[in-house]
Amino acid sequence: MSPLSAPSDPSPGGTAAQRRTAGARHPLARFLLRRVAVALLLGLGITLVTFVLTNLVPGDPVTANLGQRALSDPAIVAQFRAEHGLDKPLPQQYLTYLGGLLRGDLGMSQQSHRPVLTDLAELVPSTIELAGAAITVSLVAGVAFGLVAALRRDRLPDHLLRLVALVGISVPTFWLALLAFYLFFFRLRIAPGSGRIAPDMSAPPQVTGLFTVDSALAGQWDVFASAVGHLMTPALVLAAYTIGLLMRFTRSAVLEVLGQDHVRAARAKGLPGRTVLTRYVLRSALVPIITVAGLAFGSLLSGTVLVESVFARPGIGQYAYKSATTLDLPAVMGVGLVVGAVYVLINLVVDVLYGVIDPRVRLS
């Protein structure tokens, strides 16, 4: 072998330079693997935080769930503590709970006397359906209004849309829900009442738990129309705040992008206005908009309790409220895990969209 020739690398992975070159060919794959690993670690951290915070809540689950006569009997109290694992040290309770999670066991609810996973499987789809409809309306209306306000800066449309955004952000959700229910259902009779479908209709065959999707899959279009009708008013009420938030954020992001050099260069080249708007302005403004939209969806999913109460829709909001008032610790932890998992999943989706939209993110 010539003295000037490079020695071969005996390692199976090749040289470090070769590994870096191979990794550089797939930056999006490496980016996704890192984000998935971070999401798994966050999920484990959520279980620990949820367990610790739930057990730090003042109050005794035994006192909250047993009657006065049962509390006076030490044997019944001891049986209750042993049945729900409350007689063990907290570290052992956490390890037991973590082992149950790995088997898909979230424990038994002390208020419904059913597995928490069964309760959540029935209630989560309703909340997801409501929050999903609200965030869809928010994205379409908020981004469109924000874009119009930015392109008509300091003109009449801009001032009107900013006023609408201010009203949407300022009005309390519970008051708006009560007003919408009274006005559109009780007075005008143009919107259906409470629940998810009309009382004289049966729920569609369960596939996803979303009545709109399941009724469409089953071809039950009358049930589909009823489900959409019952969904519109609470979704619009829930979306009012998010529309104002997204509109103001979109306006700010678009105005910032409009003053950047690459947009001026695109206009100087004589590109059509629609091309400049979609390929240059919107794409650059999407990253911060996606961030706000992801956080907004998580807030909608965890903040539906007031809207569900006014419109009598079953969901995790009502379930969490009842569980907290009765110190139903397994149910409270189950709701906390669901909400935390939704936030982790949303953050993962947002990170993936970052990498797809902006190549600089996945190379960093």
Protein backbone atom coordinates (compact mmCIF):
# COMPACT_ATOMS: atom_id res chain seq x y z
CA MET A 1 0.00 0.00 0.00
CA SER A 2 1.33 3.40 -0.90
CA PRO A 3 2.36 5.56 2.05
CA LEU A 4 0.15 8.33 0.71
CA SER A 5 -3.01 6.21 0.62
CA ALA A 6 -5.51 6.60 3.50
CA PRO A 7 -5.86 3.60 5.77
CA SER A 8 -9.22 1.86 5.69
CA ASP A 9 -11.49 2.24 8.69
CA PRO A 10 -12.00 -1.15 10.33
CA SER A 11 -15.15 -0.03 12.12
CA PRO A 12 -18.43 -1.25 10.60
CA GLY A 13 -19.84 2.28 10.50
CA GLY A 14 -17.04 3.65 8.30
CA THR A 15 -15.15 6.86 9.00
CA ALA A 16 -16.60 9.71 11.00
CA ALA A 17 -16.70 11.83 7.86
CA GLN A 18 -18.64 9.12 6.03
CA ARG A 19 -21.13 8.88 8.90
CA ARG A 20 -21.60 12.65 8.92
CA THR A 21 -22.11 12.62 5.15
CA ALA A 22 -24.66 9.81 5.38
CA GLY A 23 -26.47 11.63 8.17
CA ALA A 24 -26.50 14.86 6.19
CA ARG A 25 -28.31 13.09 3.37
CA HIS A 26 -31.29 12.46 5.61
CA PRO A 27 -31.58 15.51 7.88
CA LEU A 28 -35.35 15.22 8.17
CA ALA A 29 -35.14 11.60 9.37
CA ARG A 30 -32.57 12.50 12.04
CA PHE A 31 -34.69 15.47 13.04
CA LEU A 32 -37.79 13.27 13.43
CA LEU A 33 -35.91 10.64 15.47
CA ARG A 34 -34.65 13.30 17.88
CA ARG A 35 -38.12 14.75 18.31
CA VAL A 36 -39.70 11.32 18.90
CA ALA A 37 -37.07 10.51 21.54
CA VAL A 38 -37.74 13.84 23.28
CA ALA A 39 -41.51 13.17 23.13
CA LEU A 40 -41.05 9.78 24.83
CA LEU A 41 -38.98 11.34 27.62
CA LEU A 42 -41.59 14.06 28.06
CA GLY A 43 -44.29 11.39 28.28
CA LEU A 44 -42.43 9.68 31.11
CA GLY A 45 -41.98 13.00 32.85
CA ILE A 46 -45.71 13.72 32.53
CA THR A 47 -46.56 10.51 34.37
CA LEU A 48 -44.28 11.48 37.25
CA VAL A 49 -45.50 15.09 37.46
CA THR A 50 -49.15 14.06 37.21
CA PHE A 51 -48.75 11.45 39.95
CA VAL A 52 -46.88 13.76 42.33
CA LEU A 53 -49.19 16.77 41.86
CA THR A 54 -52.31 14.62 42.22
CA ASN A 55 -51.09 13.17 45.51
CA LEU A 56 -50.14 16.62 46.81
CA VAL A 57 -53.76 17.79 46.58
CA PRO A 58 -55.02 18.51 50.12
CA GLY A 59 -57.73 16.16 51.26
CA ASP A 60 -58.21 12.48 51.93
CA PRO A 61 -59.74 10.29 49.18
CA VAL A 62 -61.12 8.00 51.87
CA THR A 63 -63.07 10.84 53.48
CA ALA A 64 -64.31 12.07 50.08
CA ASN A 65 -65.59 8.67 48.92
CA LEU A 66 -66.83 6.94 52.04
CA GLY A 67 -69.89 7.94 54.03
CA GLN A 68 -69.81 8.99 57.64
CA ARG A 69 -70.88 5.57 58.92
CA ALA A 70 -68.21 3.81 56.85
CA LEU A 71 -65.53 6.19 58.11
CA SER A 72 -66.29 5.19 61.66
CA ASP A 73 -65.47 1.55 60.86
CA PRO A 74 -61.65 0.99 60.76
CA ALA A 75 -62.07 -2.28 58.86
CA ILE A 76 -63.92 -0.58 55.99
CA VAL A 77 -61.35 2.23 55.87
CA ALA A 78 -58.47 -0.26 55.79
CA GLN A 79 -60.20 -2.29 53.06
CA PHE A 80 -60.72 0.85 50.95
CA ARG A 81 -57.09 1.88 51.30
CA ALA A 82 -55.85 -1.62 50.44
CA GLU A 83 -58.23 -1.92 47.48
CA HIS A 84 -56.99 1.33 45.91
CA GLY A 85 -53.34 0.94 46.93
CA LEU A 86 -53.42 3.91 49.30
CA ASP A 87 -51.75 1.94 52.09
CA LYS A 88 -48.44 1.70 50.21
CA PRO A 89 -45.58 4.27 50.13
CA LEU A 90 -45.80 6.85 47.31
CA PRO A 91 -42.74 5.51 45.37
CA GLN A 92 -44.27 2.04 45.37
CA GLN A 93 -47.64 3.49 44.32
CA TYR A 94 -45.95 5.27 41.40
CA LEU A 95 -44.12 2.14 40.24
CA THR A 96 -47.37 0.19 40.45
CA TYR A 97 -49.16 2.89 38.50
CA LEU A 98 -46.39 2.98 35.88
CA GLY A 99 -46.58 -0.77 35.49
CA GLY A 100 -50.31 -0.52 34.98
CA LEU A 101 -49.81 2.14 32.31
CA LEU A 102 -47.53 -0.16 30.37
CA ARG A 103 -50.35 -2.73 30.39
CA GLY A 104 -52.95 -0.13 29.44
CA ASP A 105 -54.45 -0.07 32.94
CA LEU A 106 -55.22 3.41 34.33
CA GLY A 107 -56.88 2.10 37.45
CA MET A 108 -60.50 2.03 38.61
CA SER A 109 -62.53 5.20 38.95
CA GLN A 110 -63.87 5.67 42.45
CA GLN A 111 -66.90 7.61 41.22
CA SER A 112 -68.06 5.45 38.29
CA HIS A 113 -66.61 2.14 39.60
CA ARG A 114 -65.38 1.38 36.09
CA PRO A 115 -61.90 1.33 34.57
CA VAL A 116 -60.67 4.87 33.93
CA LEU A 117 -59.61 3.82 30.45
CA THR A 118 -63.22 2.82 29.67
CA ASP A 119 -64.53 6.18 30.90
CA LEU A 120 -61.96 8.12 28.90
CA ALA A 121 -62.58 6.05 25.77
CA GLU A 122 -66.22 7.13 25.89
CA LEU A 123 -65.63 10.80 26.75
CA VAL A 124 -62.42 11.83 24.97
CA PRO A 125 -63.84 11.51 21.41
CA SER A 126 -66.60 14.02 22.22
CA THR A 127 -64.08 16.56 23.50
CA ILE A 128 -61.74 15.94 20.57
CA GLU A 129 -64.64 16.43 18.16
CA LEU A 130 -65.55 19.75 19.77
CA ALA A 131 -61.96 21.00 20.07
CA GLY A 132 -61.13 19.80 16.54
CA ALA A 133 -64.07 21.68 15.06
CA ALA A 134 -63.16 24.78 17.06
CA ILE A 135 -59.50 24.78 16.00
CA THR A 136 -60.48 24.21 12.35
CA VAL A 137 -62.79 27.22 12.41
CA SER A 138 -60.13 29.20 14.27
CA LEU A 139 -57.40 28.40 11.75
CA VAL A 140 -59.50 29.22 8.70
CA ALA A 141 -61.04 32.39 10.09
CA GLY A 142 -58.07 33.59 12.17
CA VAL A 143 -55.44 33.21 9.43
CA ALA A 144 -57.73 34.64 6.73
CA PHE A 145 -58.74 37.65 8.85
CA GLY A 146 -55.15 38.24 9.93
CA LEU A 147 -53.95 38.14 6.34
CA VAL A 148 -56.61 40.61 5.23
CA ALA A 149 -55.81 42.92 8.15
CA ALA A 150 -52.10 42.86 7.31
CA LEU A 151 -52.62 43.52 3.61
CA ARG A 152 -55.07 46.38 4.44
CA ARG A 153 -52.98 47.83 7.22
CA ASP A 154 -54.41 50.96 8.89
CA ARG A 155 -57.46 50.91 6.61
CA LEU A 156 -61.09 50.30 7.48
CA PRO A 157 -60.96 46.46 7.14
CA ASP A 158 -57.93 46.37 9.42
CA HIS A 159 -59.61 48.45 12.11
CA LEU A 160 -62.84 46.42 11.97
CA LEU A 161 -61.04 43.08 12.14
CA ARG A 162 -58.88 44.23 15.02
CA LEU A 163 -62.04 45.25 16.87
CA VAL A 164 -63.53 41.79 16.24
CA ALA A 165 -60.34 40.16 17.53
CA LEU A 166 -60.40 42.34 20.65
CA VAL A 167 -64.01 41.37 21.37
CA GLY A 168 -63.27 37.66 20.85
CA ILE A 169 -60.33 37.76 23.24
CA SER A 170 -62.06 39.88 25.88
CA VAL A 171 -65.49 38.22 26.17
CA PRO A 172 -65.57 35.42 28.79
CA THR A 173 -66.26 32.03 27.25
CA PHE A 174 -68.91 30.99 29.76
CA TRP A 175 -70.89 34.23 29.22
CA LEU A 176 -70.67 33.88 25.43
CA ALA A 177 -71.83 30.26 25.69
CA LEU A 178 -74.85 31.21 27.79
CA LEU A 179 -75.70 34.08 25.44
CA ALA A 180 -75.40 31.89 22.33
CA PHE A 181 -77.52 29.13 23.86
CA TYR A 182 -80.24 31.57 24.96
CA LEU A 183 -80.28 33.55 21.71
CA PHE A 184 -79.93 30.89 19.01
CA PHE A 185 -81.79 28.04 20.70
CA PHE A 186 -84.27 29.51 23.16
CA ARG A 187 -85.23 32.73 21.36
CA LEU A 188 -84.57 32.32 17.64
CA ARG A 189 -84.86 28.51 17.43
CA ILE A 190 -82.27 28.35 14.66
CA ALA A 191 -79.82 26.08 16.46
CA PRO A 192 -80.39 22.69 18.11
CA GLY A 193 -80.30 22.32 21.86
CA SER A 194 -78.03 20.39 24.16
CA GLY A 195 -76.31 17.06 23.63
CA ARG A 196 -74.46 15.65 20.64
CA ILE A 197 -77.45 14.57 18.51
CA ALA A 198 -81.22 14.93 18.63
CA PRO A 199 -82.89 13.05 21.52
CA ASP A 200 -84.98 10.91 19.16
CA MET A 201 -81.90 9.60 17.31
CA SER A 202 -79.59 6.74 18.20
CA ALA A 203 -75.83 7.08 18.22
CA PRO A 204 -74.11 5.76 15.07
CA PRO A 205 -72.12 2.52 15.19
CA GLN A 206 -68.94 3.35 17.05
CA VAL A 207 -65.75 3.35 15.00
CA THR A 208 -63.87 6.46 16.10
CA GLY A 209 -66.26 7.79 18.74
CA LEU A 210 -66.73 10.98 16.71
CA PHE A 211 -70.42 11.16 15.84
CA THR A 212 -69.80 13.21 12.69
CA VAL A 213 -67.26 10.73 11.35
CA ASP A 214 -69.05 7.55 12.46
CA SER A 215 -72.41 8.66 11.03
CA ALA A 216 -70.77 9.52 7.71
CA LEU A 217 -69.01 6.14 7.61
CA ALA A 218 -72.32 4.39 8.31
CA GLY A 219 -74.17 6.45 5.71
CA GLN A 220 -76.58 7.82 8.33
CA TRP A 221 -76.81 11.31 6.89
CA ASP A 222 -79.69 12.40 9.10
CA VAL A 223 -77.57 11.61 12.16
CA PHE A 224 -74.62 13.35 10.50
CA ALA A 225 -76.67 16.53 9.94
CA SER A 226 -77.89 16.44 13.53
CA ALA A 227 -74.35 15.93 14.89
CA VAL A 228 -73.00 18.82 12.80
CA GLY A 229 -75.88 21.05 13.90
CA HIS A 230 -75.30 20.28 17.58
CA LEU A 231 -71.56 20.88 17.08
CA MET A 232 -71.67 24.25 15.31
CA THR A 233 -72.77 26.59 18.11
CA PRO A 234 -70.46 25.26 20.89
CA ALA A 235 -67.56 25.08 18.41
CA LEU A 236 -68.05 28.71 17.36
CA VAL A 237 -68.29 29.80 20.99
CA LEU A 238 -65.13 27.89 21.89
CA ALA A 239 -63.33 29.26 18.81
CA ALA A 240 -64.11 32.93 19.51
CA TYR A 241 -61.05 33.49 21.69
CA THR A 242 -58.73 31.48 19.44
CA ILE A 243 -59.89 33.32 16.32
CA GLY A 244 -58.97 36.65 17.88
CA LEU A 245 -55.62 35.30 19.07
CA LEU A 246 -54.68 33.77 15.72
CA MET A 247 -55.88 36.84 13.80
CA ARG A 248 -53.69 39.20 15.80
CA PHE A 249 -50.71 36.87 15.65
CA THR A 250 -51.10 36.27 11.90
CA ARG A 251 -51.36 40.01 11.24
CA SER A 252 -48.18 40.65 13.20
CA ALA A 253 -46.27 37.79 11.54
CA VAL A 254 -47.32 38.75 8.01
CA LEU A 255 -46.46 42.42 8.55
CA GLU A 256 -43.00 41.39 9.74
CA VAL A 257 -42.43 39.17 6.70
CA LEU A 258 -43.70 41.80 4.24
CA GLY A 259 -40.79 44.05 5.18
CA GLN A 260 -38.07 41.43 4.66
CA ASP A 261 -35.58 41.52 1.80
CA HIS A 262 -36.61 38.27 0.10
CA VAL A 263 -40.18 39.52 -0.30
CA ARG A 264 -38.95 42.79 -1.82
CA ALA A 265 -36.70 40.81 -4.15
CA ALA A 266 -39.61 38.62 -5.26
CA ARG A 267 -41.69 41.69 -6.03
CA ALA A 268 -38.77 43.29 -7.85
CA LYS A 269 -38.54 40.22 -10.10
CA GLY A 270 -42.08 40.89 -11.24
CA LEU A 271 -43.61 37.75 -9.73
CA PRO A 272 -47.43 37.73 -9.50
CA GLY A 273 -48.86 38.97 -6.23
CA ARG A 274 -50.49 35.61 -5.48
CA THR A 275 -47.15 33.82 -5.92
CA VAL A 276 -45.38 36.27 -3.63
CA LEU A 277 -48.13 35.88 -1.04
CA THR A 278 -48.28 32.08 -0.99
CA ARG A 279 -44.65 31.10 -1.62
CA TYR A 280 -42.82 33.87 0.19
CA VAL A 281 -45.04 35.63 2.71
CA LEU A 282 -47.25 32.83 4.04
CA ARG A 283 -44.51 30.20 4.11
CA SER A 284 -42.24 32.46 6.14
CA ALA A 285 -45.06 33.41 8.50
CA LEU A 286 -46.32 29.86 9.01
CA VAL A 287 -43.74 28.81 11.61
CA PRO A 288 -44.91 31.20 14.37
CA ILE A 289 -48.55 30.70 13.35
CA ILE A 290 -48.22 26.92 13.70
CA THR A 291 -46.72 27.39 17.16
CA VAL A 292 -49.69 29.43 18.37
CA ALA A 293 -52.17 27.06 16.69
CA GLY A 294 -50.65 24.04 18.42
CA LEU A 295 -50.80 25.66 21.84
CA ALA A 296 -54.33 26.88 21.14
CA PHE A 297 -55.55 23.37 20.33
CA GLY A 298 -54.12 22.04 23.57
CA SER A 299 -55.85 24.84 25.47
CA LEU A 300 -59.14 24.15 23.69
CA LEU A 301 -58.95 20.46 24.52
CA SER A 302 -58.28 21.08 28.20
CA GLY A 303 -60.61 24.08 28.56
CA THR A 304 -63.90 22.75 27.20
CA VAL A 305 -65.49 22.24 30.62
CA LEU A 306 -67.55 25.45 30.57
CA VAL A 307 -68.86 24.97 27.03
CA GLU A 308 -69.62 21.32 27.71
CA SER A 309 -71.54 22.33 30.82
CA VAL A 310 -73.70 24.94 29.07
CA PHE A 311 -74.50 22.73 26.08
CA ALA A 312 -74.72 19.49 28.13
CA ARG A 313 -72.11 17.71 26.04
CA PRO A 314 -70.32 14.76 27.64
CA GLY A 315 -66.55 15.15 27.71
CA ILE A 316 -63.38 15.03 29.76
CA GLY A 317 -64.04 18.53 31.11
CA GLN A 318 -67.09 17.44 33.11
CA TYR A 319 -65.38 14.17 34.00
CA ALA A 320 -62.32 16.00 35.34
CA TYR A 321 -64.47 18.40 37.37
CA LYS A 322 -66.48 15.62 39.02
CA SER A 323 -63.33 13.59 39.66
CA ALA A 324 -61.60 16.55 41.31
CA THR A 325 -64.55 17.33 43.58
CA THR A 326 -64.67 13.72 44.82
CA LEU A 327 -60.87 13.29 44.97
CA ASP A 328 -61.07 10.42 42.49
CA LEU A 329 -57.29 10.21 42.10
CA PRO A 330 -57.12 7.54 39.34
CA ALA A 331 -59.59 9.52 37.22
CA VAL A 332 -57.79 12.83 37.85
CA MET A 333 -54.46 11.26 36.87
CA GLY A 334 -56.07 9.71 33.79
CA VAL A 335 -57.35 13.08 32.61
CA GLY A 336 -53.99 14.67 33.35
CA LEU A 337 -52.21 12.03 31.31
CA VAL A 338 -54.59 12.48 28.37
CA VAL A 339 -54.15 16.26 28.33
CA GLY A 340 -50.40 15.94 28.77
CA ALA A 341 -50.16 13.35 26.00
CA VAL A 342 -52.14 15.66 23.71
CA TYR A 343 -49.71 18.50 24.37
CA VAL A 344 -46.71 16.24 23.71
CA LEU A 345 -48.29 14.95 20.50
CA ILE A 346 -49.12 18.47 19.35
CA ASN A 347 -45.58 19.64 20.06
CA LEU A 348 -44.26 16.68 18.08
CA VAL A 349 -46.54 17.51 15.13
CA VAL A 350 -45.53 21.18 15.32
CA ASP A 351 -41.84 20.23 15.33
CA VAL A 352 -42.36 17.98 12.31
CA LEU A 353 -44.13 20.80 10.47
CA TYR A 354 -41.22 23.08 11.36
CA GLY A 355 -38.84 20.67 9.66
CA VAL A 356 -41.04 20.31 6.60
CA ILE A 357 -41.64 24.04 6.13
CA ASP A 358 -38.22 25.43 7.06
CA PRO A 359 -35.14 23.33 6.13
CA ARG A 360 -33.00 25.44 8.46
CA VAL A 361 -34.82 23.95 11.47
CA ARG A 362 -34.00 20.33 10.68
CA LEU A 363 -30.36 21.20 9.96
CA SER A 364 -29.87 22.98 13.27
